[in-house]
Amino acid sequence: MRNDNIYKPCLMRIEKVTDEAPDVKTFRLKFIDDVQARNFDFKAGQFGEYSVMGEGESTFCIASPPTRKGYIECTFRKTGRVTSALANKEEGEIIGFRGPYGNRFPIEEWKGKNLLFVAGGIALPPMRCVIWNCLDLREDYKDITIVYGAKTVDDLIYKNELEEWNERPDVTLVTTVDPGGETPAWKGQIGFVPTILEKMELKAENTIAVVCGPPIMIKFTFPVLVKAEFKEADIFTTLENRMKCGFGKCGRCNVGSVYVCKDGPVFTYAQLKKLPAEY
């Protein structure tokens, strides 16, 4: 969906606000314009620009799946000027949105395969989009395993959905918190995500791995997967922290010759290995 003016945002009403964790919120958004709502479509992995008039815009993924129609959701942490302005918004208020931008996770090519999702902290939102997309088409995939970790129990987001995934017989969920981040009632694992992953009996054959998390987590997770004999072309991630204007025009998203806003944010590990080490 595009306007004649590529920089002009569409207006969206905040239908629901969910407090996920300290300084982390999820907005459910609906287009004010019915025509824009009907024409809007996106794929799992794409992102948008979310704006507050007079403050600017911020870039993050669409956290809801394209299989859920009539709305989109975004999840963000209050860290700067724009996200602080967004965090002050309440249900019923209006914000701007433009998108979708970027490429996508090729879930159609994953049919008949096992799926391993590995996420850390606030990087679960882009994973949530593709997880729900695949769960809504559950018959297309074999085993689905989700490994998710955060610094503390409080920092875990989508707690209700984690409970739902844990209760599903067709999903294997492993949750973990960093050492010292547990509570007396915590029943999950304790340890960093790559360490927990290393202890698991990973089966690389006919399996796609999707990794989203802080750069340090991704850095130490890739070798674990490679050691488990995952093919580099079967390991996917998203460089969300490199996304900027959405078009690749400002030049701030480039990594070598690649513009993340245009060529990404979804890449395989095989593709990343060809990029400069700065990613």
C-alpha atoms as a PDB file:
ATOM      1  CA  MET A   1       0.000   0.000   0.000  1.00  0.00           C
ATOM      2  CA  ARG A   2       1.404   3.395  -0.975  1.00  0.00           C
ATOM      3  CA  ASN A   3       0.196   6.988  -0.988  1.00  0.00           C
ATOM      4  CA  ASP A   4       0.974   9.386  -3.862  1.00  0.00           C
ATOM      5  CA  ASN A   5       3.382  11.017  -1.424  1.00  0.00           C
ATOM      6  CA  ILE A   6       5.655   8.170  -0.352  1.00  0.00           C
ATOM      7  CA  TYR A   7       6.484   9.928   2.921  1.00  0.00           C
ATOM      8  CA  LYS A   8       2.889  10.669   3.931  1.00  0.00           C
ATOM      9  CA  PRO A   9       1.680   8.305   6.659  1.00  0.00           C
ATOM     10  CA  CYS A  10      -1.746   6.756   6.863  1.00  0.00           C
ATOM     11  CA  LEU A  11      -3.733   7.546   9.986  1.00  0.00           C
ATOM     12  CA  MET A  12      -4.410   4.696  12.381  1.00  0.00           C
ATOM     13  CA  ARG A  13      -6.415   4.535  15.582  1.00  0.00           C
ATOM     14  CA  ILE A  14      -5.040   2.745  18.623  1.00  0.00           C
ATOM     15  CA  GLU A  15      -7.702   0.151  19.380  1.00  0.00           C
ATOM     16  CA  LYS A  16      -5.892  -1.589  22.239  1.00  0.00           C
ATOM     17  CA  VAL A  17      -2.809  -1.016  24.390  1.00  0.00           C
ATOM     18  CA  THR A  18      -1.146  -3.950  26.177  1.00  0.00           C
ATOM     19  CA  ASP A  19       1.635  -3.511  28.726  1.00  0.00           C
ATOM     20  CA  GLU A  20       4.022  -6.379  27.987  1.00  0.00           C
ATOM     21  CA  ALA A  21       7.025  -5.648  30.228  1.00  0.00           C
ATOM     22  CA  PRO A  22       8.702  -2.607  31.811  1.00  0.00           C
ATOM     23  CA  ASP A  23       8.642   0.144  29.145  1.00  0.00           C
ATOM     24  CA  VAL A  24       7.361  -2.334  26.519  1.00  0.00           C
ATOM     25  CA  LYS A  25       3.907  -1.941  24.973  1.00  0.00           C
ATOM     26  CA  THR A  26       1.872  -3.493  22.175  1.00  0.00           C
ATOM     27  CA  PHE A  27      -0.529  -1.407  20.088  1.00  0.00           C
ATOM     28  CA  ARG A  28      -3.377  -2.885  18.082  1.00  0.00           C
ATOM     29  CA  LEU A  29      -3.974  -0.459  15.219  1.00  0.00           C
ATOM     30  CA  LYS A  30      -6.798  -0.007  12.710  1.00  0.00           C
ATOM     31  CA  PHE A  31      -6.872   2.209   9.641  1.00  0.00           C
ATOM     32  CA  ILE A  32      -9.244   5.155   9.865  1.00  0.00           C
ATOM     33  CA  ASP A  33      -9.753   5.111   6.093  1.00  0.00           C
ATOM     34  CA  ASP A  34     -11.815   2.079   4.996  1.00  0.00           C
ATOM     35  CA  VAL A  35     -10.247   1.999   1.513  1.00  0.00           C
ATOM     36  CA  GLN A  36      -6.748   1.903   2.966  1.00  0.00           C
ATOM     37  CA  ALA A  37      -7.848  -0.875   5.319  1.00  0.00           C
ATOM     38  CA  ARG A  38      -9.232  -2.990   2.463  1.00  0.00           C
ATOM     39  CA  ASN A  39      -6.177  -2.489   0.254  1.00  0.00           C
ATOM     40  CA  PHE A  40      -3.566  -3.129   2.918  1.00  0.00           C
ATOM     41  CA  ASP A  41      -1.592  -6.355   2.736  1.00  0.00           C
ATOM     42  CA  PHE A  42       1.802  -7.477   3.994  1.00  0.00           C
ATOM     43  CA  LYS A  43       3.991 -10.543   4.507  1.00  0.00           C
ATOM     44  CA  ALA A  44       5.615 -11.944   7.653  1.00  0.00           C
ATOM     45  CA  GLY A  45       8.908 -10.161   8.261  1.00  0.00           C
ATOM     46  CA  GLN A  46       8.014  -6.794   6.767  1.00  0.00           C
ATOM     47  CA  PHE A  47       8.152  -3.585   8.791  1.00  0.00           C
ATOM     48  CA  GLY A  48       6.619  -0.134   9.010  1.00  0.00           C
ATOM     49  CA  GLU A  49       7.273   3.443  10.092  1.00  0.00           C
ATOM     50  CA  TYR A  50       5.190   4.533  13.086  1.00  0.00           C
ATOM     51  CA  SER A  51       4.885   8.262  13.732  1.00  0.00           C
ATOM     52  CA  VAL A  52       3.657  10.834  16.215  1.00  0.00           C
ATOM     53  CA  MET A  53       2.926  14.252  14.761  1.00  0.00           C
ATOM     54  CA  GLY A  54       5.550  16.780  15.845  1.00  0.00           C
ATOM     55  CA  GLU A  55       7.904  14.118  17.206  1.00  0.00           C
ATOM     56  CA  GLY A  56       8.978  12.022  14.218  1.00  0.00           C
ATOM     57  CA  GLU A  57       8.762   8.363  13.258  1.00  0.00           C
ATOM     58  CA  SER A  58      10.306   5.131  14.423  1.00  0.00           C
ATOM     59  CA  THR A  59      10.888   1.875  12.583  1.00  0.00           C
ATOM     60  CA  PHE A  60       9.867  -1.551  13.802  1.00  0.00           C
ATOM     61  CA  CYS A  61       8.257  -4.703  12.521  1.00  0.00           C
ATOM     62  CA  ILE A  62       4.616  -5.576  12.131  1.00  0.00           C
ATOM     63  CA  ALA A  63       4.234  -7.974  15.050  1.00  0.00           C
ATOM     64  CA  SER A  64       0.891  -9.517  14.077  1.00  0.00           C
ATOM     65  CA  PRO A  65       0.548 -12.116  11.305  1.00  0.00           C
ATOM     66  CA  PRO A  66      -0.955 -11.397   7.874  1.00  0.00           C
ATOM     67  CA  THR A  67      -3.424 -14.213   8.547  1.00  0.00           C
ATOM     68  CA  ARG A  68      -5.207 -11.961  11.090  1.00  0.00           C
ATOM     69  CA  LYS A  69      -7.183  -9.415   9.087  1.00  0.00           C
ATOM     70  CA  GLY A  70      -8.605  -6.028   9.999  1.00  0.00           C
ATOM     71  CA  TYR A  71      -5.762  -4.747  12.135  1.00  0.00           C
ATOM     72  CA  ILE A  72      -2.013  -4.760  12.663  1.00  0.00           C
ATOM     73  CA  GLU A  73      -0.028  -4.828  15.878  1.00  0.00           C
ATOM     74  CA  CYS A  74       3.339  -3.400  16.830  1.00  0.00           C
ATOM     75  CA  THR A  75       5.412  -3.913  19.944  1.00  0.00           C
ATOM     76  CA  PHE A  76       8.069  -1.432  21.040  1.00  0.00           C
ATOM     77  CA  ARG A  77      10.252  -0.426  23.961  1.00  0.00           C
ATOM     78  CA  LYS A  78      10.347   3.189  25.160  1.00  0.00           C
ATOM     79  CA  THR A  79      13.935   4.222  24.453  1.00  0.00           C
ATOM     80  CA  GLY A  80      13.938   7.634  22.783  1.00  0.00           C
ATOM     81  CA  ARG A  81      11.942  10.655  21.693  1.00  0.00           C
ATOM     82  CA  VAL A  82       9.525   8.955  19.289  1.00  0.00           C
ATOM     83  CA  THR A  83       8.985   5.761  21.256  1.00  0.00           C
ATOM     84  CA  SER A  84       8.430   7.846  24.406  1.00  0.00           C
ATOM     85  CA  ALA A  85       5.784   9.861  22.550  1.00  0.00           C
ATOM     86  CA  LEU A  86       4.190   6.622  21.342  1.00  0.00           C
ATOM     87  CA  ALA A  87       4.237   5.193  24.856  1.00  0.00           C
ATOM     88  CA  ASN A  88       2.249   8.199  26.078  1.00  0.00           C
ATOM     89  CA  LYS A  89      -0.544   7.506  23.615  1.00  0.00           C
ATOM     90  CA  GLU A  90      -3.768   5.949  24.848  1.00  0.00           C
ATOM     91  CA  GLU A  91      -6.523   3.836  23.318  1.00  0.00           C
ATOM     92  CA  GLY A  92      -8.576   5.838  20.848  1.00  0.00           C
ATOM     93  CA  GLU A  93      -5.779   8.210  19.889  1.00  0.00           C
ATOM     94  CA  ILE A  94      -4.336   8.534  16.386  1.00  0.00           C
ATOM     95  CA  ILE A  95      -0.814   7.827  15.137  1.00  0.00           C
ATOM     96  CA  GLY A  96       0.728   7.636  11.669  1.00  0.00           C
ATOM     97  CA  PHE A  97       1.862   4.536   9.797  1.00  0.00           C
ATOM     98  CA  ARG A  98       3.525   3.934   6.469  1.00  0.00           C
ATOM     99  CA  GLY A  99       4.527   0.622   4.968  1.00  0.00           C
ATOM    100  CA  PRO A 100       4.919  -2.246   4.575  1.00  0.00           C
ATOM    101  CA  TYR A 101       8.586  -2.226   3.591  1.00  0.00           C
ATOM    102  CA  GLY A 102      11.315  -4.795   3.143  1.00  0.00           C
ATOM    103  CA  ASN A 103      11.355  -8.440   2.175  1.00  0.00           C
ATOM    104  CA  ARG A 104       9.813 -11.350   4.056  1.00  0.00           C
ATOM    105  CA  PHE A 105      10.312 -14.774   5.540  1.00  0.00           C
ATOM    106  CA  PRO A 106       9.701 -17.297   2.700  1.00  0.00           C
ATOM    107  CA  ILE A 107       7.262 -19.425   4.676  1.00  0.00           C
ATOM    108  CA  GLU A 108       5.747 -20.912   1.512  1.00  0.00           C
ATOM    109  CA  GLU A 109       9.099 -22.589   0.867  1.00  0.00           C
ATOM    110  CA  TRP A 110       9.090 -24.056   4.386  1.00  0.00           C
ATOM    111  CA  LYS A 111       6.037 -26.260   3.879  1.00  0.00           C
ATOM    112  CA  GLY A 112       6.634 -29.809   5.045  1.00  0.00           C
ATOM    113  CA  LYS A 113       9.618 -28.787   7.183  1.00  0.00           C
ATOM    114  CA  ASN A 114      10.292 -28.597  10.908  1.00  0.00           C
ATOM    115  CA  LEU A 115      10.607 -25.053  12.286  1.00  0.00           C
ATOM    116  CA  LEU A 116      12.921 -23.892  15.070  1.00  0.00           C
ATOM    117  CA  PHE A 117      12.347 -20.348  16.344  1.00  0.00           C
ATOM    118  CA  VAL A 118      15.037 -18.832  18.591  1.00  0.00           C
ATOM    119  CA  ALA A 119      14.361 -15.391  20.088  1.00  0.00           C
ATOM    120  CA  GLY A 120      15.762 -13.133  22.785  1.00  0.00           C
ATOM    121  CA  GLY A 121      14.196 -10.239  24.675  1.00  0.00           C
ATOM    122  CA  ILE A 122      12.395  -7.545  22.699  1.00  0.00           C
ATOM    123  CA  ALA A 123      13.270  -9.369  19.445  1.00  0.00           C
ATOM    124  CA  LEU A 124      10.302 -11.708  19.862  1.00  0.00           C
ATOM    125  CA  PRO A 125       7.858  -9.378  17.973  1.00  0.00           C
ATOM    126  CA  PRO A 126       9.176 -10.119  14.437  1.00  0.00           C
ATOM    127  CA  MET A 127       9.301 -13.776  15.455  1.00  0.00           C
ATOM    128  CA  ARG A 128       5.736 -13.592  16.788  1.00  0.00           C
ATOM    129  CA  CYS A 129       4.524 -12.497  13.364  1.00  0.00           C
ATOM    130  CA  VAL A 130       5.978 -15.519  11.573  1.00  0.00           C
ATOM    131  CA  ILE A 131       5.171 -17.932  14.435  1.00  0.00           C
ATOM    132  CA  TRP A 132       1.472 -17.079  14.357  1.00  0.00           C
ATOM    133  CA  ASN A 133       1.514 -17.074  10.555  1.00  0.00           C
ATOM    134  CA  CYS A 134       2.790 -20.655  10.617  1.00  0.00           C
ATOM    135  CA  LEU A 135       0.517 -21.727  13.494  1.00  0.00           C
ATOM    136  CA  ASP A 136      -2.507 -20.357  11.623  1.00  0.00           C
ATOM    137  CA  LEU A 137      -1.421 -22.627   8.758  1.00  0.00           C
ATOM    138  CA  ARG A 138      -0.374 -25.416  11.108  1.00  0.00           C
ATOM    139  CA  GLU A 139      -1.093 -28.282   8.708  1.00  0.00           C
ATOM    140  CA  ASP A 140       1.614 -26.984   6.361  1.00  0.00           C
ATOM    141  CA  TYR A 141       4.467 -27.633   8.796  1.00  0.00           C
ATOM    142  CA  LYS A 142       5.880 -30.462  10.874  1.00  0.00           C
ATOM    143  CA  ASP A 143       7.417 -29.979  14.338  1.00  0.00           C
ATOM    144  CA  ILE A 144       7.452 -26.411  15.671  1.00  0.00           C
ATOM    145  CA  THR A 145       9.883 -25.538  18.478  1.00  0.00           C
ATOM    146  CA  ILE A 146      10.158 -22.098  20.105  1.00  0.00           C
ATOM    147  CA  VAL A 147      13.131 -21.143  22.292  1.00  0.00           C
ATOM    148  CA  TYR A 148      12.752 -17.749  23.948  1.00  0.00           C
ATOM    149  CA  GLY A 149      14.809 -16.013  26.605  1.00  0.00           C
ATOM    150  CA  ALA A 150      15.059 -12.673  28.392  1.00  0.00           C
ATOM    151  CA  LYS A 151      17.163 -11.081  31.116  1.00  0.00           C
ATOM    152  CA  THR A 152      14.516 -11.548  33.806  1.00  0.00           C
ATOM    153  CA  VAL A 153      11.074 -13.045  34.199  1.00  0.00           C
ATOM    154  CA  ASP A 154       9.578  -9.538  34.106  1.00  0.00           C
ATOM    155  CA  ASP A 155      11.293  -8.879  30.762  1.00  0.00           C
ATOM    156  CA  LEU A 156       9.529 -11.764  29.030  1.00  0.00           C
ATOM    157  CA  ILE A 157       6.926 -10.335  26.649  1.00  0.00           C
ATOM    158  CA  TYR A 158       3.682 -11.834  25.349  1.00  0.00           C
ATOM    159  CA  LYS A 159       3.325 -13.772  28.609  1.00  0.00           C
ATOM    160  CA  ASN A 160      -0.251 -14.861  27.826  1.00  0.00           C
ATOM    161  CA  GLU A 161       0.791 -16.150  24.427  1.00  0.00           C
ATOM    162  CA  LEU A 162       3.758 -17.966  25.928  1.00  0.00           C
ATOM    163  CA  GLU A 163       1.276 -19.791  28.168  1.00  0.00           C
ATOM    164  CA  GLU A 164      -0.891 -20.576  25.148  1.00  0.00           C
ATOM    165  CA  TRP A 165       2.062 -21.937  23.157  1.00  0.00           C
ATOM    166  CA  ASN A 166       3.182 -23.973  26.149  1.00  0.00           C
ATOM    167  CA  GLU A 167      -0.223 -25.604  26.411  1.00  0.00           C
ATOM    168  CA  ARG A 168      -0.484 -26.485  22.724  1.00  0.00           C
ATOM    169  CA  PRO A 169       0.274 -30.166  22.004  1.00  0.00           C
ATOM    170  CA  ASP A 170       1.646 -29.245  18.558  1.00  0.00           C
ATOM    171  CA  VAL A 171       4.280 -26.800  19.865  1.00  0.00           C
ATOM    172  CA  THR A 172       7.424 -27.314  21.946  1.00  0.00           C
ATOM    173  CA  LEU A 173       8.217 -24.193  23.984  1.00  0.00           C
ATOM    174  CA  VAL A 174      11.448 -23.641  25.933  1.00  0.00           C
ATOM    175  CA  THR A 175      11.698 -20.421  27.951  1.00  0.00           C
ATOM    176  CA  THR A 176      14.770 -19.222  29.811  1.00  0.00           C
ATOM    177  CA  VAL A 177      16.030 -16.234  31.778  1.00  0.00           C
ATOM    178  CA  ASP A 178      19.588 -15.100  32.418  1.00  0.00           C
ATOM    179  CA  PRO A 179      21.239 -16.323  35.642  1.00  0.00           C
ATOM    180  CA  GLY A 180      19.911 -14.158  38.462  1.00  0.00           C
ATOM    181  CA  GLY A 181      16.789 -13.187  36.521  1.00  0.00           C
ATOM    182  CA  GLU A 182      14.602 -15.956  37.879  1.00  0.00           C
ATOM    183  CA  THR A 183      11.932 -15.752  40.597  1.00  0.00           C
ATOM    184  CA  PRO A 184      10.971 -18.400  43.193  1.00  0.00           C
ATOM    185  CA  ALA A 185       7.962 -19.331  41.060  1.00  0.00           C
ATOM    186  CA  TRP A 186       9.929 -19.609  37.787  1.00  0.00           C
ATOM    187  CA  LYS A 187       9.584 -23.038  36.174  1.00  0.00           C
ATOM    188  CA  GLY A 188      11.547 -22.425  32.987  1.00  0.00           C
ATOM    189  CA  GLN A 189      15.228 -22.777  32.206  1.00  0.00           C
ATOM    190  CA  ILE A 190      18.014 -20.592  33.625  1.00  0.00           C
ATOM    191  CA  GLY A 191      20.809 -19.639  31.246  1.00  0.00           C
ATOM    192  CA  PHE A 192      21.651 -17.675  28.143  1.00  0.00           C
ATOM    193  CA  VAL A 193      19.783 -18.665  24.979  1.00  0.00           C
ATOM    194  CA  PRO A 194      22.832 -20.058  23.082  1.00  0.00           C
ATOM    195  CA  THR A 195      23.781 -22.138  26.141  1.00  0.00           C
ATOM    196  CA  ILE A 196      20.269 -23.566  26.476  1.00  0.00           C
ATOM    197  CA  LEU A 197      20.185 -24.266  22.749  1.00  0.00           C
ATOM    198  CA  GLU A 198      23.505 -26.113  22.976  1.00  0.00           C
ATOM    199  CA  LYS A 199      22.026 -28.479  25.558  1.00  0.00           C
ATOM    200  CA  MET A 200      19.078 -29.392  23.356  1.00  0.00           C
ATOM    201  CA  GLU A 201      19.009 -32.306  20.943  1.00  0.00           C
ATOM    202  CA  LEU A 202      18.716 -30.256  17.782  1.00  0.00           C
ATOM    203  CA  LYS A 203      17.791 -32.017  14.567  1.00  0.00           C
ATOM    204  CA  ALA A 204      18.951 -30.093  11.532  1.00  0.00           C
ATOM    205  CA  GLU A 205      17.572 -32.451   8.906  1.00  0.00           C
ATOM    206  CA  ASN A 206      14.556 -30.943   7.141  1.00  0.00           C
ATOM    207  CA  THR A 207      14.532 -28.050   9.649  1.00  0.00           C
ATOM    208  CA  ILE A 208      14.466 -24.285   9.198  1.00  0.00           C
ATOM    209  CA  ALA A 209      15.910 -22.124  11.994  1.00  0.00           C
ATOM    210  CA  VAL A 210      14.828 -18.520  12.545  1.00  0.00           C
ATOM    211  CA  VAL A 211      16.922 -16.426  14.954  1.00  0.00           C
ATOM    212  CA  CYS A 212      15.959 -12.975  16.285  1.00  0.00           C
ATOM    213  CA  GLY A 213      17.649 -11.269  19.181  1.00  0.00           C
ATOM    214  CA  PRO A 214      20.314  -8.862  20.350  1.00  0.00           C
ATOM    215  CA  PRO A 215      23.435  -8.941  18.139  1.00  0.00           C
ATOM    216  CA  ILE A 216      25.456 -10.686  20.844  1.00  0.00           C
ATOM    217  CA  MET A 217      22.851 -13.453  21.128  1.00  0.00           C
ATOM    218  CA  ILE A 218      22.754 -13.941  17.373  1.00  0.00           C
ATOM    219  CA  LYS A 219      26.552 -14.001  17.228  1.00  0.00           C
ATOM    220  CA  PHE A 220      26.764 -16.919  19.658  1.00  0.00           C
ATOM    221  CA  THR A 221      23.663 -18.732  18.390  1.00  0.00           C
ATOM    222  CA  PHE A 222      24.788 -19.160  14.776  1.00  0.00           C
ATOM    223  CA  PRO A 223      27.804 -21.357  15.703  1.00  0.00           C
ATOM    224  CA  VAL A 224      25.554 -23.593  17.823  1.00  0.00           C
ATOM    225  CA  LEU A 225      23.286 -24.175  14.841  1.00  0.00           C
ATOM    226  CA  VAL A 226      26.188 -24.734  12.458  1.00  0.00           C
ATOM    227  CA  LYS A 227      27.701 -27.233  14.908  1.00  0.00           C
ATOM    228  CA  ALA A 228      24.334 -29.025  14.914  1.00  0.00           C
ATOM    229  CA  GLU A 229      24.748 -29.289  11.105  1.00  0.00           C
ATOM    230  CA  PHE A 230      22.144 -26.738  10.047  1.00  0.00           C
ATOM    231  CA  LYS A 231      22.775 -25.508   6.532  1.00  0.00           C
ATOM    232  CA  GLU A 232      23.701 -21.824   6.415  1.00  0.00           C
ATOM    233  CA  ALA A 233      20.942 -21.242   3.841  1.00  0.00           C
ATOM    234  CA  ASP A 234      18.396 -22.722   6.275  1.00  0.00           C
ATOM    235  CA  ILE A 235      19.203 -20.259   9.076  1.00  0.00           C
ATOM    236  CA  PHE A 236      17.263 -16.977   8.879  1.00  0.00           C
ATOM    237  CA  THR A 237      17.429 -13.754  10.851  1.00  0.00           C
ATOM    238  CA  THR A 238      16.282 -10.151  10.573  1.00  0.00           C
ATOM    239  CA  LEU A 239      18.497  -7.060  10.840  1.00  0.00           C
ATOM    240  CA  GLU A 240      15.816  -4.852  12.337  1.00  0.00           C
ATOM    241  CA  ASN A 241      18.313  -2.641  14.122  1.00  0.00           C
ATOM    242  CA  ARG A 242      19.599  -1.451  10.722  1.00  0.00           C
ATOM    243  CA  MET A 243      16.257  -0.278   9.317  1.00  0.00           C
ATOM    244  CA  LYS A 244      15.832   3.470   8.849  1.00  0.00           C
ATOM    245  CA  CYS A 245      13.729   5.376   6.265  1.00  0.00           C
ATOM    246  CA  GLY A 246      12.091   2.366   4.634  1.00  0.00           C
ATOM    247  CA  PHE A 247      13.246   3.102   1.096  1.00  0.00           C
ATOM    248  CA  GLY A 248      17.025   2.949   1.304  1.00  0.00           C
ATOM    249  CA  LYS A 249      17.180   6.634   0.300  1.00  0.00           C
ATOM    250  CA  CYS A 250      18.769   8.050   3.449  1.00  0.00           C
ATOM    251  CA  GLY A 251      21.704   5.656   3.158  1.00  0.00           C
ATOM    252  CA  ARG A 252      21.817   4.875   6.865  1.00  0.00           C
ATOM    253  CA  CYS A 253      20.762   1.245   6.488  1.00  0.00           C
ATOM    254  CA  ASN A 254      23.586   0.153   4.212  1.00  0.00           C
ATOM    255  CA  VAL A 255      25.926  -2.676   5.114  1.00  0.00           C
ATOM    256  CA  GLY A 256      28.512  -2.766   2.363  1.00  0.00           C
ATOM    257  CA  SER A 257      26.546  -2.752  -0.892  1.00  0.00           C
ATOM    258  CA  VAL A 258      23.344  -3.965   0.770  1.00  0.00           C
ATOM    259  CA  TYR A 259      20.537  -1.623   1.843  1.00  0.00           C
ATOM    260  CA  VAL A 260      18.656  -3.353   4.649  1.00  0.00           C
ATOM    261  CA  CYS A 261      15.430  -1.367   4.087  1.00  0.00           C
ATOM    262  CA  LYS A 262      15.303  -2.580   0.469  1.00  0.00           C
ATOM    263  CA  ASP A 263      17.191  -5.887   0.438  1.00  0.00           C
ATOM    264  CA  GLY A 264      16.215  -6.993   3.943  1.00  0.00           C
ATOM    265  CA  PRO A 265      15.558  -7.029   6.782  1.00  0.00           C
ATOM    266  CA  VAL A 266      15.339 -10.835   6.381  1.00  0.00           C
ATOM    267  CA  PHE A 267      18.595 -12.574   5.488  1.00  0.00           C
ATOM    268  CA  THR A 268      19.970 -16.093   5.662  1.00  0.00           C
ATOM    269  CA  TYR A 269      23.195 -16.795   7.504  1.00  0.00           C
ATOM    270  CA  ALA A 270      24.737 -17.633   4.132  1.00  0.00           C
ATOM    271  CA  GLN A 271      23.894 -14.126   2.899  1.00  0.00           C
ATOM    272  CA  LEU A 272      25.166 -12.458   6.056  1.00  0.00           C
ATOM    273  CA  LYS A 273      28.549 -14.158   5.771  1.00  0.00           C
ATOM    274  CA  LYS A 274      29.104 -12.238   2.537  1.00  0.00           C
ATOM    275  CA  LEU A 275      28.542  -8.869   4.248  1.00  0.00           C
ATOM    276  CA  PRO A 276      31.123  -6.767   6.106  1.00  0.00           C
ATOM    277  CA  ALA A 277      31.603  -7.774   9.717  1.00  0.00           C
ATOM    278  CA  GLU A 278      29.918  -4.562  10.937  1.00  0.00           C
ATOM    279  CA  TYR A 279      26.411  -6.052  10.703  1.00  0.00           C
END
